Amino acid sequence: MENDCIFCKIANKEIESELLYESDNLVVFRDINPKAPVHLLIVPKRHIRSINDLDNKKDKEILAEMLFTAKDMAKKEDVNESGYRLQFNVEKGGGQEVFHLHMHLIGG
């Protein structure tokens, strides 16, 4: 865990947030500045700074879990048929604001 990482604090329940889903590896919660009626963040509990910091061997499973969780959450939020977008922002120039790996699920 990074000491000042807000997503680490949410995942470790040091900051109160309504978790829509939690597994051993991930948490899902609503974006506080939504860009659409459904705007969820799918966040690994383990601190990974960005896509650029993924380990080719040990992080494949976490990425797969993120994708399958997104599919399940889209269905739960009733945007699976109307459509949704999955988005990673990478580094400051790519729009990343919180430097903890996360995927946006945006729909509605």
Protein backbone atom coordinates (compact mmCIF):
# COMPACT_ATOMS: atom_id res chain seq x y z
CA MET A 1 0.00 0.00 0.00
CA GLU A 2 1.14 3.49 -0.79
CA ASN A 3 0.72 5.78 2.22
CA ASP A 4 -1.06 8.59 0.40
CA CYS A 5 -2.97 6.55 -2.21
CA ILE A 6 -6.71 7.20 -1.95
CA PHE A 7 -7.60 3.96 -3.78
CA CYS A 8 -5.44 1.92 -1.37
CA LYS A 9 -7.25 3.59 1.51
CA ILE A 10 -10.66 2.79 -0.01
CA ALA A 11 -9.65 -0.83 -0.71
CA ASN A 12 -8.37 -1.20 2.86
CA LYS A 13 -11.52 0.46 4.24
CA GLU A 14 -9.58 3.31 5.79
CA ILE A 15 -11.86 5.70 3.87
CA GLU A 16 -15.55 4.94 3.85
CA SER A 17 -16.98 4.20 0.43
CA GLU A 18 -19.92 2.19 -0.80
CA LEU A 19 -18.32 -0.90 -2.31
CA LEU A 20 -20.55 -2.36 -5.00
CA TYR A 21 -18.36 -5.45 -5.26
CA GLU A 22 -15.39 -6.88 -3.41
CA SER A 23 -13.23 -9.95 -3.95
CA ASP A 24 -9.86 -10.98 -2.55
CA ASN A 25 -8.21 -8.95 -5.33
CA LEU A 26 -10.59 -6.13 -6.35
CA VAL A 27 -13.06 -3.51 -5.20
CA VAL A 28 -15.66 -1.70 -7.30
CA PHE A 29 -17.19 1.64 -6.41
CA ARG A 30 -18.83 4.62 -8.13
CA ASP A 31 -16.70 7.45 -9.49
CA ILE A 32 -17.20 10.60 -7.41
CA ASN A 33 -17.19 12.69 -10.61
CA PRO A 34 -19.27 10.56 -12.97
CA LYS A 35 -19.11 11.18 -16.72
CA ALA A 36 -22.30 9.15 -17.35
CA PRO A 37 -25.26 7.72 -15.39
CA VAL A 38 -23.14 4.61 -14.72
CA HIS A 39 -19.50 5.32 -13.97
CA LEU A 40 -17.78 2.66 -11.89
CA LEU A 41 -14.14 2.18 -10.96
CA ILE A 42 -12.72 -1.33 -10.86
CA VAL A 43 -9.62 -1.23 -8.67
CA PRO A 44 -7.09 -3.88 -7.62
CA LYS A 45 -6.51 -4.00 -3.87
CA ARG A 46 -2.77 -4.37 -4.41
CA HIS A 47 -1.12 -1.10 -5.32
CA ILE A 48 -0.04 -1.08 -8.95
CA ARG A 49 0.82 2.45 -10.07
CA SER A 50 -0.33 2.21 -13.71
CA ILE A 51 -0.52 -0.05 -16.75
CA ASN A 52 3.18 0.71 -17.24
CA ASP A 53 3.96 -0.97 -13.90
CA LEU A 54 2.25 -4.29 -14.63
CA ASP A 55 4.38 -7.40 -14.33
CA ASN A 56 3.96 -9.63 -17.41
CA LYS A 57 3.94 -12.82 -15.34
CA LYS A 58 2.16 -12.05 -12.10
CA ASP A 59 -0.48 -9.52 -13.18
CA LYS A 60 -2.26 -11.39 -15.99
CA GLU A 61 -4.79 -12.86 -13.56
CA ILE A 62 -5.68 -9.50 -12.02
CA LEU A 63 -6.34 -8.00 -15.46
CA ALA A 64 -8.54 -10.95 -16.40
CA GLU A 65 -10.46 -10.60 -13.14
CA MET A 66 -10.92 -6.89 -13.80
CA LEU A 67 -12.41 -7.59 -17.23
CA PHE A 68 -14.75 -10.33 -16.04
CA THR A 69 -15.83 -8.18 -13.09
CA ALA A 70 -16.57 -5.32 -15.49
CA LYS A 71 -18.76 -7.63 -17.58
CA ASP A 72 -20.67 -8.74 -14.47
CA MET A 73 -21.03 -5.19 -13.13
CA ALA A 74 -22.33 -3.95 -16.50
CA LYS A 75 -25.07 -6.56 -16.27
CA LYS A 76 -25.81 -5.67 -12.64
CA GLU A 77 -26.04 -1.96 -13.57
CA ASP A 78 -28.26 -2.84 -16.58
CA VAL A 79 -25.98 -1.40 -19.26
CA ASN A 80 -24.78 -4.70 -20.70
CA GLU A 81 -27.21 -4.62 -23.60
CA SER A 82 -27.38 -0.88 -24.26
CA GLY A 83 -23.60 -0.65 -24.23
CA TYR A 84 -20.74 0.60 -22.13
CA ARG A 85 -17.11 1.59 -22.39
CA LEU A 86 -14.11 0.22 -20.49
CA GLN A 87 -11.24 2.66 -20.15
CA PHE A 88 -7.74 2.76 -18.67
CA ASN A 89 -6.03 6.14 -18.45
CA VAL A 90 -2.25 5.74 -18.41
CA GLU A 91 0.07 8.36 -16.94
CA LYS A 92 -0.65 12.06 -16.65
CA GLY A 93 -0.61 12.69 -20.40
CA GLY A 94 -3.17 9.92 -20.86
CA GLY A 95 -5.54 11.40 -18.31
CA GLN A 96 -4.58 9.35 -15.24
CA GLU A 97 -5.35 11.39 -12.13
CA VAL A 98 -5.02 8.76 -9.40
CA PHE A 99 -1.80 6.80 -9.72
CA HIS A 100 -3.23 3.42 -8.75
CA LEU A 101 -4.27 1.13 -11.59
CA HIS A 102 -8.03 1.29 -12.21
CA MET A 103 -10.48 0.69 -15.01
CA HIS A 104 -13.51 2.88 -15.69
CA LEU A 105 -16.82 1.26 -16.65
CA ILE A 106 -18.91 4.00 -18.26
CA GLY A 107 -22.42 3.57 -19.65
CA GLY A 108 -26.00 4.72 -19.67
